[in-house]
Amino acid sequence: MFMGASTEEGKLIAEKSRIIVKSLIKDQIEEIDPTEADIIERIVHSTADPEYAKLVQFHPKFVENAIDSLKANEDILTDINMVKSGITQYDGDVDCFIKNDEVIKIAKEFDITRASAAIQYASDIGFKGIIVIGNAPTALFKAIELFESNKLNVKAIVGAPVGFVGAADSKEALIHSNIPSIVTKGPKGGTPVAVASINSLIRLVKLNY
């Protein structure tokens, strides 16, 4: 399967799209790490927005840590079920706890969002792996808080919450933390960005990166 395509016609469309993407962002990707370039290409392809090539920022150890985690089949935790649904080729567990009964109780008890409570719950049950956030800045803030207090064993974070309230601030906080991460600076982000980022790495692991 190439870029989600499973038929010959779909593969041709995907390949043509990838050629167009490369031509649009060649100045931004020609001198960077090939793995990082692949992630950026997939993000631009999934959003049809070349501006992302200027917005994506990588922590120096993000790719290494994320790939090590994926090779070990550690868990992937997502903030919303839409992001979880987009991660279809991973051999390990992909979890989203936002509708979990215990998470709903935590959210009510501490008067926090369910997205934030879901990260707290994951920490409480011993989560270990990669966090992929494509919607909720409160989930990202909580992940940073728990990591910095040594309560969350997260190897890497895909930080792509979207919106005009909290998204940009949460990503700036992630950049200034010690967590290996990829972010899309500013208010832009969302499920397609988050899914494209992690699926690029999953594909590379399957190709014996």
Protein backbone atom coordinates (compact mmCIF):
# COMPACT_ATOMS: atom_id res chain seq x y z
CA MET A 1 0.00 0.00 0.00
CA PHE A 2 1.43 3.38 -1.04
CA MET A 3 0.17 6.54 0.71
CA GLY A 4 -3.01 4.67 1.56
CA ALA A 5 -3.63 3.53 -2.02
CA SER A 6 -4.59 -0.12 -2.57
CA THR A 7 -5.51 -0.15 -6.29
CA GLU A 8 -3.41 0.55 -9.37
CA GLU A 9 -5.39 3.71 -10.12
CA GLY A 10 -5.00 4.85 -6.53
CA LYS A 11 -1.26 4.18 -6.62
CA LEU A 12 -0.86 6.21 -9.81
CA ILE A 13 -2.74 9.12 -8.25
CA ALA A 14 -0.66 8.91 -5.08
CA GLU A 15 2.61 8.74 -7.00
CA LYS A 16 1.67 11.72 -9.15
CA SER A 17 0.64 13.66 -6.05
CA ARG A 18 3.96 12.86 -4.39
CA ILE A 19 5.85 14.19 -7.43
CA ILE A 20 3.84 17.41 -7.27
CA VAL A 21 4.46 17.74 -3.53
CA LYS A 22 8.21 17.28 -3.98
CA SER A 23 8.29 20.00 -6.63
CA LEU A 24 6.40 22.43 -4.40
CA ILE A 25 8.58 22.01 -1.30
CA LYS A 26 11.94 20.99 -2.76
CA ASP A 27 13.72 24.03 -1.29
CA GLN A 28 12.58 23.08 2.22
CA ILE A 29 13.46 19.37 2.10
CA GLU A 30 16.46 18.95 -0.18
CA GLU A 31 19.07 19.40 2.55
CA ILE A 32 17.40 17.76 5.54
CA ASP A 33 17.37 14.21 6.88
CA PRO A 34 15.53 11.91 4.42
CA THR A 35 13.26 10.55 7.14
CA GLU A 36 12.24 14.04 8.21
CA ALA A 37 11.72 14.94 4.55
CA ASP A 38 9.44 11.92 4.10
CA ILE A 39 7.32 13.02 7.07
CA ILE A 40 7.01 16.55 5.71
CA GLU A 41 6.07 15.27 2.26
CA ARG A 42 3.32 13.12 3.76
CA ILE A 43 1.98 16.02 5.79
CA VAL A 44 1.84 18.27 2.73
CA HIS A 45 0.28 15.47 0.69
CA SER A 46 -2.40 14.81 3.31
CA THR A 47 -3.30 18.49 3.74
CA ALA A 48 -2.67 19.83 0.20
CA ASP A 49 -0.93 22.72 1.97
CA PRO A 50 2.74 23.37 1.10
CA GLU A 51 3.01 25.89 3.95
CA TYR A 52 3.45 22.98 6.34
CA ALA A 53 6.96 22.51 4.99
CA LYS A 54 7.82 25.77 6.76
CA LEU A 55 5.86 25.01 9.93
CA VAL A 56 7.16 21.56 10.87
CA GLN A 57 9.86 21.51 13.53
CA PHE A 58 11.73 18.41 14.74
CA HIS A 59 13.52 17.73 17.99
CA PRO A 60 16.95 16.27 17.11
CA LYS A 61 16.11 12.89 18.70
CA PHE A 62 12.48 12.59 17.60
CA VAL A 63 13.01 10.24 14.65
CA GLU A 64 15.48 8.02 16.49
CA ASN A 65 13.34 7.70 19.62
CA ALA A 66 10.09 7.19 17.73
CA ILE A 67 11.54 4.50 15.48
CA ASP A 68 13.10 2.67 18.45
CA SER A 69 9.70 2.71 20.17
CA LEU A 70 7.90 1.45 17.07
CA LYS A 71 10.43 -1.33 16.54
CA ALA A 72 9.80 -2.46 20.11
CA ASN A 73 6.02 -2.46 19.43
CA GLU A 74 5.45 -0.07 22.32
CA ASP A 75 2.03 1.52 22.58
CA ILE A 76 0.77 4.49 20.61
CA LEU A 77 -1.63 6.75 22.51
CA THR A 78 -3.85 9.21 20.63
CA ASP A 79 -5.87 12.13 21.93
CA ILE A 80 -9.01 11.40 19.88
CA ASN A 81 -10.49 8.36 18.16
CA MET A 82 -10.26 10.00 14.73
CA VAL A 83 -6.46 9.98 15.02
CA LYS A 84 -6.53 6.38 16.26
CA SER A 85 -8.65 5.36 13.26
CA GLY A 86 -6.05 6.72 10.86
CA ILE A 87 -3.24 4.54 12.25
CA THR A 88 -4.01 1.24 10.56
CA GLN A 89 -0.71 -0.49 9.77
CA TYR A 90 0.90 -0.71 13.21
CA ASP A 91 1.58 -4.12 14.75
CA GLY A 92 1.48 -2.82 18.32
CA ASP A 93 -1.43 -1.40 20.32
CA VAL A 94 -2.99 1.95 19.41
CA ASP A 95 -5.06 3.31 22.27
CA CYS A 96 -7.42 6.22 22.86
CA PHE A 97 -8.98 6.53 26.30
CA ILE A 98 -11.15 9.61 25.82
CA LYS A 99 -14.40 7.59 26.16
CA ASN A 100 -13.13 5.39 28.97
CA ASP A 101 -15.42 5.41 32.03
CA GLU A 102 -12.55 6.04 34.42
CA VAL A 103 -11.36 8.95 32.29
CA ILE A 104 -14.83 10.51 32.41
CA LYS A 105 -14.72 10.24 36.22
CA ILE A 106 -11.27 11.85 36.38
CA ALA A 107 -12.39 14.70 34.15
CA LYS A 108 -15.40 15.42 36.36
CA GLU A 109 -13.51 15.06 39.63
CA PHE A 110 -10.70 17.43 38.69
CA ASP A 111 -12.72 19.65 36.33
CA ILE A 112 -10.40 19.06 33.37
CA THR A 113 -11.03 18.08 29.77
CA ARG A 114 -11.45 14.42 28.95
CA ALA A 115 -8.46 14.71 26.60
CA SER A 116 -6.31 15.80 29.54
CA ALA A 117 -7.85 13.18 31.82
CA ALA A 118 -7.08 10.49 29.24
CA ILE A 119 -3.37 11.33 29.40
CA GLN A 120 -3.55 11.22 33.20
CA TYR A 121 -5.24 7.81 33.03
CA ALA A 122 -2.59 6.51 30.61
CA SER A 123 0.09 7.62 33.06
CA ASP A 124 -1.73 5.92 35.95
CA ILE A 125 -1.85 2.54 34.14
CA GLY A 126 1.82 2.63 33.12
CA PHE A 127 1.76 3.83 29.52
CA LYS A 128 5.03 3.51 27.63
CA GLY A 129 5.48 4.63 24.03
CA ILE A 130 4.52 7.41 21.63
CA ILE A 131 1.79 10.01 22.06
CA VAL A 132 0.10 11.33 18.91
CA ILE A 133 -1.98 14.48 19.35
CA GLY A 134 -3.96 15.97 16.47
CA ASN A 135 -6.69 17.89 18.23
CA ALA A 136 -6.45 18.70 21.92
CA PRO A 137 -3.89 21.16 23.32
CA THR A 138 -5.01 20.25 26.84
CA ALA A 139 -3.79 16.70 26.23
CA LEU A 140 -0.42 18.04 25.14
CA PHE A 141 -0.09 20.32 28.15
CA LYS A 142 -0.92 17.37 30.44
CA ALA A 143 1.62 15.11 28.73
CA ILE A 144 4.35 17.72 29.20
CA GLU A 145 3.39 18.23 32.84
CA LEU A 146 3.47 14.52 33.63
CA PHE A 147 6.71 13.93 31.73
CA GLU A 148 8.47 16.74 33.55
CA SER A 149 7.35 15.35 36.89
CA ASN A 150 8.63 11.86 35.92
CA LYS A 151 5.14 10.37 35.86
CA LEU A 152 4.82 9.60 32.14
CA ASN A 153 7.09 7.27 30.18
CA VAL A 154 6.69 8.84 26.76
CA LYS A 155 9.43 8.20 24.19
CA ALA A 156 8.27 10.78 21.63
CA ILE A 157 5.32 13.05 20.90
CA VAL A 158 3.66 14.04 17.66
CA GLY A 159 2.31 17.46 18.65
CA ALA A 160 -0.18 18.76 16.10
CA PRO A 161 -3.18 20.13 17.99
CA VAL A 162 -5.22 22.53 15.89
CA GLY A 163 -7.05 25.74 16.70
CA PHE A 164 -6.81 29.30 17.94
CA VAL A 165 -7.03 28.60 21.68
CA GLY A 166 -4.07 26.85 23.25
CA ALA A 167 -2.76 24.98 20.23
CA ALA A 168 0.17 27.27 19.42
CA ASP A 169 1.03 27.73 23.10
CA SER A 170 1.00 23.99 23.80
CA LYS A 171 3.33 23.35 20.88
CA GLU A 172 5.73 26.07 22.02
CA ALA A 173 5.75 24.43 25.45
CA LEU A 174 6.57 21.10 23.80
CA ILE A 175 9.41 22.64 21.81
CA HIS A 176 10.92 24.00 25.02
CA SER A 177 10.53 20.72 26.91
CA ASN A 178 13.02 17.87 26.73
CA ILE A 179 10.60 15.54 24.96
CA PRO A 180 11.65 14.33 21.49
CA SER A 181 8.90 15.67 19.28
CA ILE A 182 7.59 16.91 15.99
CA VAL A 183 5.33 19.97 16.00
CA THR A 184 3.56 22.17 13.51
CA LYS A 185 4.16 25.67 14.80
CA GLY A 186 1.21 28.02 15.18
CA PRO A 187 -2.51 27.18 15.11
CA LYS A 188 -2.35 24.76 12.19
CA GLY A 189 -2.45 21.01 12.72
CA GLY A 190 -5.16 18.40 13.00
CA THR A 191 -5.82 14.72 12.46
CA PRO A 192 -4.34 14.49 8.91
CA VAL A 193 -1.07 16.00 10.11
CA ALA A 194 -0.79 13.78 13.16
CA VAL A 195 -1.68 10.62 11.24
CA ALA A 196 0.66 11.41 8.35
CA SER A 197 3.56 11.94 10.76
CA ILE A 198 3.24 8.64 12.61
CA ASN A 199 2.29 6.60 9.53
CA SER A 200 5.43 7.75 7.76
CA LEU A 201 7.53 6.29 10.56
CA ILE A 202 5.49 3.09 10.76
CA ARG A 203 6.04 2.56 7.03
CA LEU A 204 9.80 3.06 7.42
CA VAL A 205 9.94 0.51 10.23
CA LYS A 206 8.06 -1.99 8.07
CA LEU A 207 10.66 -1.37 5.34
CA ASN A 208 13.35 -2.34 7.88
CA TYR A 209 14.64 1.20 8.42
